[in-house]
Amino acid sequence: MPFLITKAIGLPLQAATYWILSKRRPSGSQPNTLHNDLRALMYLHLWADARGVDLQDRFESGALLTLTEVTDLDTFCGKYLADAIGNMQD
């Protein structure tokens, strides 16, 4: 069973874990599908960290990403993982 772990504290992300266990796994999704779902979420979180976007606050307030942010996220997701991580350290 795959989980999305935060590097800072080494624990699974609560919202991602809840979603994968309560919504995706019961629907019969296979482990590779769950892994791919979490990988997409990982890119979202990497992008948010690199851009200083607080996803928790955004979603709790009901705010969506702006068109500029969606375009930037699309470009960010097209990067190799090493490049995406390197982009965070710039």
PDB file of N, CA and C in Angstrom:
ATOM      1  N   MET A   1       0.850  -1.179   0.000  1.00  0.00           N
ATOM      2  CA  MET A   1       0.000   0.000   0.000  1.00  0.00           C
ATOM      3  C   MET A   1       0.893   1.237   0.000  1.00  0.00           C
ATOM      4  N   PRO A   2       0.824   2.051  -1.044  1.00  0.00           N
ATOM      5  CA  PRO A   2       1.668   3.250  -1.099  1.00  0.00           C
ATOM      6  C   PRO A   2       1.105   4.384  -0.242  1.00  0.00           C
ATOM      7  N   PHE A   3       2.000   5.196   0.296  1.00  0.00           N
ATOM      8  CA  PHE A   3       1.637   6.386   1.057  1.00  0.00           C
ATOM      9  C   PHE A   3       2.505   7.539   0.599  1.00  0.00           C
ATOM     10  N   LEU A   4       2.018   8.752   0.790  1.00  0.00           N
ATOM     11  CA  LEU A   4       2.780   9.959   0.486  1.00  0.00           C
ATOM     12  C   LEU A   4       3.341  10.467   1.808  1.00  0.00           C
ATOM     13  N   ILE A   5       4.665  10.442   1.938  1.00  0.00           N
ATOM     14  CA  ILE A   5       5.344  10.753   3.195  1.00  0.00           C
ATOM     15  C   ILE A   5       5.993  12.132   3.100  1.00  0.00           C
ATOM     16  N   THR A   6       5.889  12.924   4.174  1.00  0.00           N
ATOM     17  CA  THR A   6       6.604  14.196   4.227  1.00  0.00           C
ATOM     18  C   THR A   6       8.039  13.935   4.649  1.00  0.00           C
ATOM     19  N   LYS A   7       8.972  14.542   3.947  1.00  0.00           N
ATOM     20  CA  LYS A   7      10.382  14.340   4.260  1.00  0.00           C
ATOM     21  C   LYS A   7      10.744  14.968   5.605  1.00  0.00           C
ATOM     22  N   ALA A   8      10.121  16.095   5.928  1.00  0.00           N
ATOM     23  CA  ALA A   8      10.473  16.832   7.141  1.00  0.00           C
ATOM     24  C   ALA A   8      10.219  16.027   8.412  1.00  0.00           C
ATOM     25  N   ILE A   9       9.073  15.337   8.472  1.00  0.00           N
ATOM     26  CA  ILE A   9       8.741  14.620   9.702  1.00  0.00           C
ATOM     27  C   ILE A   9       8.636  13.111   9.516  1.00  0.00           C
ATOM     28  N   GLY A  10       8.666  12.654   8.275  1.00  0.00           N
ATOM     29  CA  GLY A  10       8.653  11.226   8.007  1.00  0.00           C
ATOM     30  C   GLY A  10       7.323  10.533   8.214  1.00  0.00           C
ATOM     31  N   LEU A  11       6.243  11.295   8.249  1.00  0.00           N
ATOM     32  CA  LEU A  11       4.910  10.721   8.430  1.00  0.00           C
ATOM     33  C   LEU A  11       4.069  10.924   7.179  1.00  0.00           C
ATOM     34  N   PRO A  12       3.090  10.037   6.952  1.00  0.00           N
ATOM     35  CA  PRO A  12       2.217  10.214   5.783  1.00  0.00           C
ATOM     36  C   PRO A  12       1.407  11.511   5.872  1.00  0.00           C
ATOM     37  N   LEU A  13       1.171  12.123   4.719  1.00  0.00           N
ATOM     38  CA  LEU A  13       0.293  13.297   4.657  1.00  0.00           C
ATOM     39  C   LEU A  13      -1.124  12.847   4.991  1.00  0.00           C
ATOM     40  N   GLN A  14      -1.742  13.517   5.930  1.00  0.00           N
ATOM     41  CA  GLN A  14      -3.043  13.086   6.438  1.00  0.00           C
ATOM     42  C   GLN A  14      -4.121  13.085   5.358  1.00  0.00           C
ATOM     43  N   ALA A  15      -4.261  14.169   4.623  1.00  0.00           N
ATOM     44  CA  ALA A  15      -5.323  14.259   3.622  1.00  0.00           C
ATOM     45  C   ALA A  15      -5.127  13.236   2.505  1.00  0.00           C
ATOM     46  N   ALA A  16      -3.886  13.081   2.044  1.00  0.00           N
ATOM     47  CA  ALA A  16      -3.610  12.116   0.975  1.00  0.00           C
ATOM     48  C   ALA A  16      -3.869  10.687   1.447  1.00  0.00           C
ATOM     49  N   THR A  17      -3.491  10.391   2.680  1.00  0.00           N
ATOM     50  CA  THR A  17      -3.709   9.059   3.238  1.00  0.00           C
ATOM     51  C   THR A  17      -5.204   8.771   3.378  1.00  0.00           C
ATOM     52  N   TYR A  18      -5.931   9.732   3.894  1.00  0.00           N
ATOM     53  CA  TYR A  18      -7.380   9.567   4.033  1.00  0.00           C
ATOM     54  C   TYR A  18      -8.014   9.319   2.670  1.00  0.00           C
ATOM     55  N   TRP A  19      -7.647  10.115   1.672  1.00  0.00           N
ATOM     56  CA  TRP A  19      -8.218   9.992   0.336  1.00  0.00           C
ATOM     57  C   TRP A  19      -7.910   8.626  -0.278  1.00  0.00           C
ATOM     58  N   ILE A  20      -6.656   8.184  -0.150  1.00  0.00           N
ATOM     59  CA  ILE A  20      -6.258   6.925  -0.781  1.00  0.00           C
ATOM     60  C   ILE A  20      -6.941   5.740  -0.092  1.00  0.00           C
ATOM     61  N   LEU A  21      -7.081   5.809   1.254  1.00  0.00           N
ATOM     62  CA  LEU A  21      -7.684   4.699   1.998  1.00  0.00           C
ATOM     63  C   LEU A  21      -9.206   4.685   1.946  1.00  0.00           C
ATOM     64  N   SER A  22      -9.828   5.864   1.931  1.00  0.00           N
ATOM     65  CA  SER A  22     -11.293   5.899   2.001  1.00  0.00           C
ATOM     66  C   SER A  22     -11.972   5.988   0.641  1.00  0.00           C
ATOM     67  N   LYS A  23     -11.296   6.525  -0.341  1.00  0.00           N
ATOM     68  CA  LYS A  23     -11.935   6.730  -1.649  1.00  0.00           C
ATOM     69  C   LYS A  23     -11.360   5.856  -2.760  1.00  0.00           C
ATOM     70  N   ARG A  24     -10.038   5.815  -2.865  1.00  0.00           N
ATOM     71  CA  ARG A  24      -9.424   5.131  -4.002  1.00  0.00           C
ATOM     72  C   ARG A  24      -9.314   3.620  -3.800  1.00  0.00           C
ATOM     73  N   ARG A  25      -8.829   3.185  -2.652  1.00  0.00           N
ATOM     74  CA  ARG A  25      -8.651   1.752  -2.420  1.00  0.00           C
ATOM     75  C   ARG A  25      -9.973   0.991  -2.422  1.00  0.00           C
ATOM     76  N   PRO A  26     -11.019   1.492  -1.756  1.00  0.00           N
ATOM     77  CA  PRO A  26     -12.296   0.765  -1.778  1.00  0.00           C
ATOM     78  C   PRO A  26     -12.917   0.656  -3.174  1.00  0.00           C
ATOM     79  N   SER A  27     -12.514   1.522  -4.084  1.00  0.00           N
ATOM     80  CA  SER A  27     -13.073   1.465  -5.443  1.00  0.00           C
ATOM     81  C   SER A  27     -12.422   0.358  -6.274  1.00  0.00           C
ATOM     82  N   GLY A  28     -11.477  -0.358  -5.664  1.00  0.00           N
ATOM     83  CA  GLY A  28     -10.849  -1.478  -6.359  1.00  0.00           C
ATOM     84  C   GLY A  28      -9.594  -1.106  -7.121  1.00  0.00           C
ATOM     85  N   SER A  29      -9.069   0.091  -6.887  1.00  0.00           N
ATOM     86  CA  SER A  29      -7.849   0.515  -7.579  1.00  0.00           C
ATOM     87  C   SER A  29      -6.677  -0.371  -7.178  1.00  0.00           C
ATOM     88  N   GLN A  30      -5.876  -0.712  -8.156  1.00  0.00           N
ATOM     89  CA  GLN A  30      -4.713  -1.551  -7.928  1.00  0.00           C
ATOM     90  C   GLN A  30      -3.563  -0.724  -7.348  1.00  0.00           C
ATOM     91  N   PRO A  31      -2.593  -1.366  -6.698  1.00  0.00           N
ATOM     92  CA  PRO A  31      -1.477  -0.632  -6.085  1.00  0.00           C
ATOM     93  C   PRO A  31      -0.739   0.298  -7.053  1.00  0.00           C
ATOM     94  N   ASN A  32      -0.531  -0.120  -8.295  1.00  0.00           N
ATOM     95  CA  ASN A  32       0.167   0.753  -9.254  1.00  0.00           C
ATOM     96  C   ASN A  32      -0.659   2.000  -9.563  1.00  0.00           C
ATOM     97  N   THR A  33      -1.959   1.869  -9.624  1.00  0.00           N
ATOM     98  CA  THR A  33      -2.831   3.012  -9.849  1.00  0.00           C
ATOM     99  C   THR A  33      -2.771   3.960  -8.657  1.00  0.00           C
ATOM    100  N   LEU A  34      -2.791   3.398  -7.457  1.00  0.00           N
ATOM    101  CA  LEU A  34      -2.682   4.215  -6.253  1.00  0.00           C
ATOM    102  C   LEU A  34      -1.345   4.938  -6.220  1.00  0.00           C
ATOM    103  N   HIS A  35      -0.293   4.250  -6.616  1.00  0.00           N
ATOM    104  CA  HIS A  35       1.038   4.849  -6.672  1.00  0.00           C
ATOM    105  C   HIS A  35       1.043   6.036  -7.639  1.00  0.00           C
ATOM    106  N   ASN A  36       0.451   5.856  -8.803  1.00  0.00           N
ATOM    107  CA  ASN A  36       0.389   6.937  -9.789  1.00  0.00           C
ATOM    108  C   ASN A  36      -0.440   8.115  -9.283  1.00  0.00           C
ATOM    109  N   ASP A  37      -1.538   7.823  -8.592  1.00  0.00           N
ATOM    110  CA  ASP A  37      -2.361   8.889  -8.003  1.00  0.00           C
ATOM    111  C   ASP A  37      -1.549   9.703  -7.000  1.00  0.00           C
ATOM    112  N   LEU A  38      -0.821   8.998  -6.141  1.00  0.00           N
ATOM    113  CA  LEU A  38      -0.020   9.680  -5.125  1.00  0.00           C
ATOM    114  C   LEU A  38       1.161  10.417  -5.737  1.00  0.00           C
ATOM    115  N   ARG A  39       1.690   9.908  -6.825  1.00  0.00           N
ATOM    116  CA  ARG A  39       2.791  10.605  -7.511  1.00  0.00           C
ATOM    117  C   ARG A  39       2.303  11.939  -8.060  1.00  0.00           C
ATOM    118  N   ALA A  40       1.091  11.964  -8.590  1.00  0.00           N
ATOM    119  CA  ALA A  40       0.518  13.223  -9.079  1.00  0.00           C
ATOM    120  C   ALA A  40       0.340  14.204  -7.912  1.00  0.00           C
ATOM    121  N   LEU A  41      -0.144  13.709  -6.777  1.00  0.00           N
ATOM    122  CA  LEU A  41      -0.278  14.559  -5.599  1.00  0.00           C
ATOM    123  C   LEU A  41       1.084  15.044  -5.101  1.00  0.00           C
ATOM    124  N   MET A  42       2.088  14.194  -5.224  1.00  0.00           N
ATOM    125  CA  MET A  42       3.435  14.580  -4.814  1.00  0.00           C
ATOM    126  C   MET A  42       3.906  15.782  -5.629  1.00  0.00           C
ATOM    127  N   TYR A  43       3.677  15.746  -6.938  1.00  0.00           N
ATOM    128  CA  TYR A  43       4.060  16.876  -7.788  1.00  0.00           C
ATOM    129  C   TYR A  43       3.299  18.142  -7.392  1.00  0.00           C
ATOM    130  N   LEU A  44       2.030  18.003  -7.061  1.00  0.00           N
ATOM    131  CA  LEU A  44       1.257  19.159  -6.609  1.00  0.00           C
ATOM    132  C   LEU A  44       1.878  19.760  -5.354  1.00  0.00           C
ATOM    133  N   HIS A  45       2.233  18.913  -4.404  1.00  0.00           N
ATOM    134  CA  HIS A  45       2.829  19.398  -3.161  1.00  0.00           C
ATOM    135  C   HIS A  45       4.229  19.967  -3.389  1.00  0.00           C
ATOM    136  N   LEU A  46       5.019  19.349  -4.259  1.00  0.00           N
ATOM    137  CA  LEU A  46       6.339  19.902  -4.581  1.00  0.00           C
ATOM    138  C   LEU A  46       6.203  21.280  -5.213  1.00  0.00           C
ATOM    139  N   TRP A  47       5.265  21.402  -6.149  1.00  0.00           N
ATOM    140  CA  TRP A  47       5.025  22.695  -6.796  1.00  0.00           C
ATOM    141  C   TRP A  47       4.601  23.738  -5.771  1.00  0.00           C
ATOM    142  N   ALA A  48       3.673  23.377  -4.901  1.00  0.00           N
ATOM    143  CA  ALA A  48       3.182  24.316  -3.900  1.00  0.00           C
ATOM    144  C   ALA A  48       4.313  24.765  -2.975  1.00  0.00           C
ATOM    145  N   ASP A  49       5.160  23.828  -2.556  1.00  0.00           N
ATOM    146  CA  ASP A  49       6.289  24.188  -1.703  1.00  0.00           C
ATOM    147  C   ASP A  49       7.257  25.112  -2.433  1.00  0.00           C
ATOM    148  N   ALA A  50       7.524  24.821  -3.702  1.00  0.00           N
ATOM    149  CA  ALA A  50       8.454  25.641  -4.482  1.00  0.00           C
ATOM    150  C   ALA A  50       7.915  27.049  -4.722  1.00  0.00           C
ATOM    151  N   ARG A  51       6.610  27.186  -4.776  1.00  0.00           N
ATOM    152  CA  ARG A  51       5.998  28.490  -5.079  1.00  0.00           C
ATOM    153  C   ARG A  51       5.449  29.206  -3.845  1.00  0.00           C
ATOM    154  N   GLY A  52       5.549  28.566  -2.693  1.00  0.00           N
ATOM    155  CA  GLY A  52       5.055  29.182  -1.471  1.00  0.00           C
ATOM    156  C   GLY A  52       3.540  29.213  -1.366  1.00  0.00           C
ATOM    157  N   VAL A  53       2.886  28.267  -2.006  1.00  0.00           N
ATOM    158  CA  VAL A  53       1.424  28.172  -1.969  1.00  0.00           C
ATOM    159  C   VAL A  53       1.025  27.232  -0.840  1.00  0.00           C
ATOM    160  N   ASP A  54       0.188  27.696   0.069  1.00  0.00           N
ATOM    161  CA  ASP A  54      -0.300  26.864   1.171  1.00  0.00           C
ATOM    162  C   ASP A  54      -1.584  26.173   0.708  1.00  0.00           C
ATOM    163  N   LEU A  55      -1.449  24.928   0.274  1.00  0.00           N
ATOM    164  CA  LEU A  55      -2.598  24.185  -0.256  1.00  0.00           C
ATOM    165  C   LEU A  55      -3.691  24.001   0.778  1.00  0.00           C
ATOM    166  N   GLN A  56      -3.310  23.720   2.019  1.00  0.00           N
ATOM    167  CA  GLN A  56      -4.295  23.514   3.080  1.00  0.00           C
ATOM    168  C   GLN A  56      -5.178  24.750   3.231  1.00  0.00           C
ATOM    169  N   ASP A  57      -4.568  25.919   3.311  1.00  0.00           N
ATOM    170  CA  ASP A  57      -5.342  27.159   3.437  1.00  0.00           C
ATOM    171  C   ASP A  57      -6.220  27.397   2.210  1.00  0.00           C
ATOM    172  N   ARG A  58      -5.655  27.149   1.037  1.00  0.00           N
ATOM    173  CA  ARG A  58      -6.425  27.349  -0.193  1.00  0.00           C
ATOM    174  C   ARG A  58      -7.673  26.494  -0.222  1.00  0.00           C
ATOM    175  N   PHE A  59      -7.504  25.216   0.075  1.00  0.00           N
ATOM    176  CA  PHE A  59      -8.635  24.301  -0.027  1.00  0.00           C
ATOM    177  C   PHE A  59      -9.653  24.523   1.085  1.00  0.00           C
ATOM    178  N   GLU A  60      -9.171  24.859   2.273  1.00  0.00           N
ATOM    179  CA  GLU A  60     -10.101  25.134   3.371  1.00  0.00           C
ATOM    180  C   GLU A  60     -10.937  26.379   3.098  1.00  0.00           C
ATOM    181  N   SER A  61     -10.350  27.353   2.414  1.00  0.00           N
ATOM    182  CA  SER A  61     -11.081  28.588   2.110  1.00  0.00           C
ATOM    183  C   SER A  61     -11.941  28.444   0.855  1.00  0.00           C
ATOM    184  N   GLY A  62     -11.769  27.344   0.138  1.00  0.00           N
ATOM    185  CA  GLY A  62     -12.535  27.125  -1.081  1.00  0.00           C
ATOM    186  C   GLY A  62     -11.952  27.824  -2.293  1.00  0.00           C
ATOM    187  N   ALA A  63     -10.756  28.389  -2.134  1.00  0.00           N
ATOM    188  CA  ALA A  63     -10.103  29.083  -3.250  1.00  0.00           C
ATOM    189  C   ALA A  63      -9.476  28.067  -4.199  1.00  0.00           C
ATOM    190  N   LEU A  64      -9.608  28.337  -5.472  1.00  0.00           N
ATOM    191  CA  LEU A  64      -8.993  27.492  -6.485  1.00  0.00           C
ATOM    192  C   LEU A  64      -7.673  28.107  -6.917  1.00  0.00           C
ATOM    193  N   LEU A  65      -6.925  27.369  -7.691  1.00  0.00           N
ATOM    194  CA  LEU A  65      -5.699  27.912  -8.253  1.00  0.00           C
ATOM    195  C   LEU A  65      -6.051  28.904  -9.358  1.00  0.00           C
ATOM    196  N   THR A  66      -5.232  29.924  -9.501  1.00  0.00           N
ATOM    197  CA  THR A  66      -5.443  30.895 -10.578  1.00  0.00           C
ATOM    198  C   THR A  66      -5.014  30.267 -11.898  1.00  0.00           C
ATOM    199  N   LEU A  67      -5.392  30.876 -12.995  1.00  0.00           N
ATOM    200  CA  LEU A  67      -5.003  30.375 -14.316  1.00  0.00           C
ATOM    201  C   LEU A  67      -3.487  30.367 -14.451  1.00  0.00           C
ATOM    202  N   THR A  68      -2.834  31.389 -13.953  1.00  0.00           N
ATOM    203  CA  THR A  68      -1.370  31.455 -14.001  1.00  0.00           C
ATOM    204  C   THR A  68      -0.761  30.309 -13.200  1.00  0.00           C
ATOM    205  N   GLU A  69      -1.327  30.012 -12.031  1.00  0.00           N
ATOM    206  CA  GLU A  69      -0.827  28.909 -11.207  1.00  0.00           C
ATOM    207  C   GLU A  69      -1.052  27.565 -11.884  1.00  0.00           C
ATOM    208  N   VAL A  70      -2.184  27.390 -12.516  1.00  0.00           N
ATOM    209  CA  VAL A  70      -2.469  26.130 -13.221  1.00  0.00           C
ATOM    210  C   VAL A  70      -1.477  25.942 -14.370  1.00  0.00           C
ATOM    211  N   THR A  71      -1.207  27.006 -15.099  1.00  0.00           N
ATOM    212  CA  THR A  71      -0.242  26.943 -16.205  1.00  0.00           C
ATOM    213  C   THR A  71       1.152  26.611 -15.680  1.00  0.00           C
ATOM    214  N   ASP A  72       1.541  27.253 -14.579  1.00  0.00           N
ATOM    215  CA  ASP A  72       2.844  26.986 -13.974  1.00  0.00           C
ATOM    216  C   ASP A  72       2.914  25.554 -13.445  1.00  0.00           C
ATOM    217  N   LEU A  73       1.838  25.079 -12.834  1.00  0.00           N
ATOM    218  CA  LEU A  73       1.783  23.697 -12.336  1.00  0.00           C
ATOM    219  C   LEU A  73       1.924  22.710 -13.491  1.00  0.00           C
ATOM    220  N   ASP A  74       1.279  22.988 -14.599  1.00  0.00           N
ATOM    221  CA  ASP A  74       1.376  22.121 -15.775  1.00  0.00           C
ATOM    222  C   ASP A  74       2.821  22.022 -16.255  1.00  0.00           C
ATOM    223  N   THR A  75       3.504  23.148 -16.315  1.00  0.00           N
ATOM    224  CA  THR A  75       4.910  23.163 -16.720  1.00  0.00           C
ATOM    225  C   THR A  75       5.762  22.406 -15.707  1.00  0.00           C
ATOM    226  N   PHE A  76       5.495  22.631 -14.424  1.00  0.00           N
ATOM    227  CA  PHE A  76       6.244  21.976 -13.347  1.00  0.00           C
ATOM    228  C   PHE A  76       6.088  20.460 -13.418  1.00  0.00           C
ATOM    229  N   CYS A  77       4.883  19.989 -13.692  1.00  0.00           N
ATOM    230  CA  CYS A  77       4.614  18.543 -13.743  1.00  0.00           C
ATOM    231  C   CYS A  77       5.279  17.868 -14.932  1.00  0.00           C
ATOM    232  N   GLY A  78       5.691  18.649 -15.917  1.00  0.00           N
ATOM    233  CA  GLY A  78       6.382  18.087 -17.071  1.00  0.00           C
ATOM    234  C   GLY A  78       7.857  17.834 -16.826  1.00  0.00           C
ATOM    235  N   LYS A  79       8.344  18.187 -15.644  1.00  0.00           N
ATOM    236  CA  LYS A  79       9.755  18.015 -15.325  1.00  0.00           C
ATOM    237  C   LYS A  79      10.015  16.629 -14.753  1.00  0.00           C
ATOM    238  N   TYR A  80      11.251  16.178 -14.924  1.00  0.00           N
ATOM    239  CA  TYR A  80      11.675  14.970 -14.230  1.00  0.00           C
ATOM    240  C   TYR A  80      11.706  15.276 -12.737  1.00  0.00           C
ATOM    241  N   LEU A  81      11.523  14.259 -11.917  1.00  0.00           N
ATOM    242  CA  LEU A  81      11.463  14.450 -10.477  1.00  0.00           C
ATOM    243  C   LEU A  81      12.709  15.156  -9.944  1.00  0.00           C
ATOM    244  N   ALA A  82      13.880  14.747 -10.390  1.00  0.00           N
ATOM    245  CA  ALA A  82      15.128  15.376  -9.916  1.00  0.00           C
ATOM    246  C   ALA A  82      15.152  16.868 -10.257  1.00  0.00           C
ATOM    247  N   ASP A  83      14.675  17.219 -11.439  1.00  0.00           N
ATOM    248  CA  ASP A  83      14.620  18.617 -11.838  1.00  0.00           C
ATOM    249  C   ASP A  83      13.587  19.387 -11.016  1.00  0.00           C
ATOM    250  N   ALA A  84      12.461  18.756 -10.718  1.00  0.00           N
ATOM    251  CA  ALA A  84      11.426  19.402  -9.907  1.00  0.00           C
ATOM    252  C   ALA A  84      11.944  19.663  -8.494  1.00  0.00           C
ATOM    253  N   ILE A  85      12.657  18.709  -7.933  1.00  0.00           N
ATOM    254  CA  ILE A  85      13.233  18.878  -6.606  1.00  0.00           C
ATOM    255  C   ILE A  85      14.324  19.939  -6.641  1.00  0.00           C
ATOM    256  N   GLY A  86      15.144  19.921  -7.689  1.00  0.00           N
ATOM    257  CA  GLY A  86      16.189  20.941  -7.841  1.00  0.00           C
ATOM    258  C   GLY A  86      15.600  22.323  -7.987  1.00  0.00           C
ATOM    259  N   ASN A  87      14.436  22.428  -8.608  1.00  0.00           N
ATOM    260  CA  ASN A  87      13.756  23.708  -8.781  1.00  0.00           C
ATOM    261  C   ASN A  87      13.333  24.282  -7.440  1.00  0.00           C
ATOM    262  N   MET A  88      13.054  23.424  -6.485  1.00  0.00           N
ATOM    263  CA  MET A  88      12.639  23.869  -5.155  1.00  0.00           C
ATOM    264  C   MET A  88      13.811  24.511  -4.418  1.00  0.00           C
ATOM    265  N   GLN A  89      15.026  24.065  -4.712  1.00  0.00           N
ATOM    266  CA  GLN A  89      16.191  24.534  -3.980  1.00  0.00           C
ATOM    267  C   GLN A  89      16.781  25.802  -4.574  1.00  0.00           C
ATOM    268  N   ASP A  90      16.262  26.252  -5.697  1.00  0.00           N
ATOM    269  CA  ASP A  90      16.774  27.474  -6.344  1.00  0.00           C
ATOM    270  C   ASP A  90      16.362  28.713  -5.570  1.00  0.00           C
TER     271      ASP A  90
END
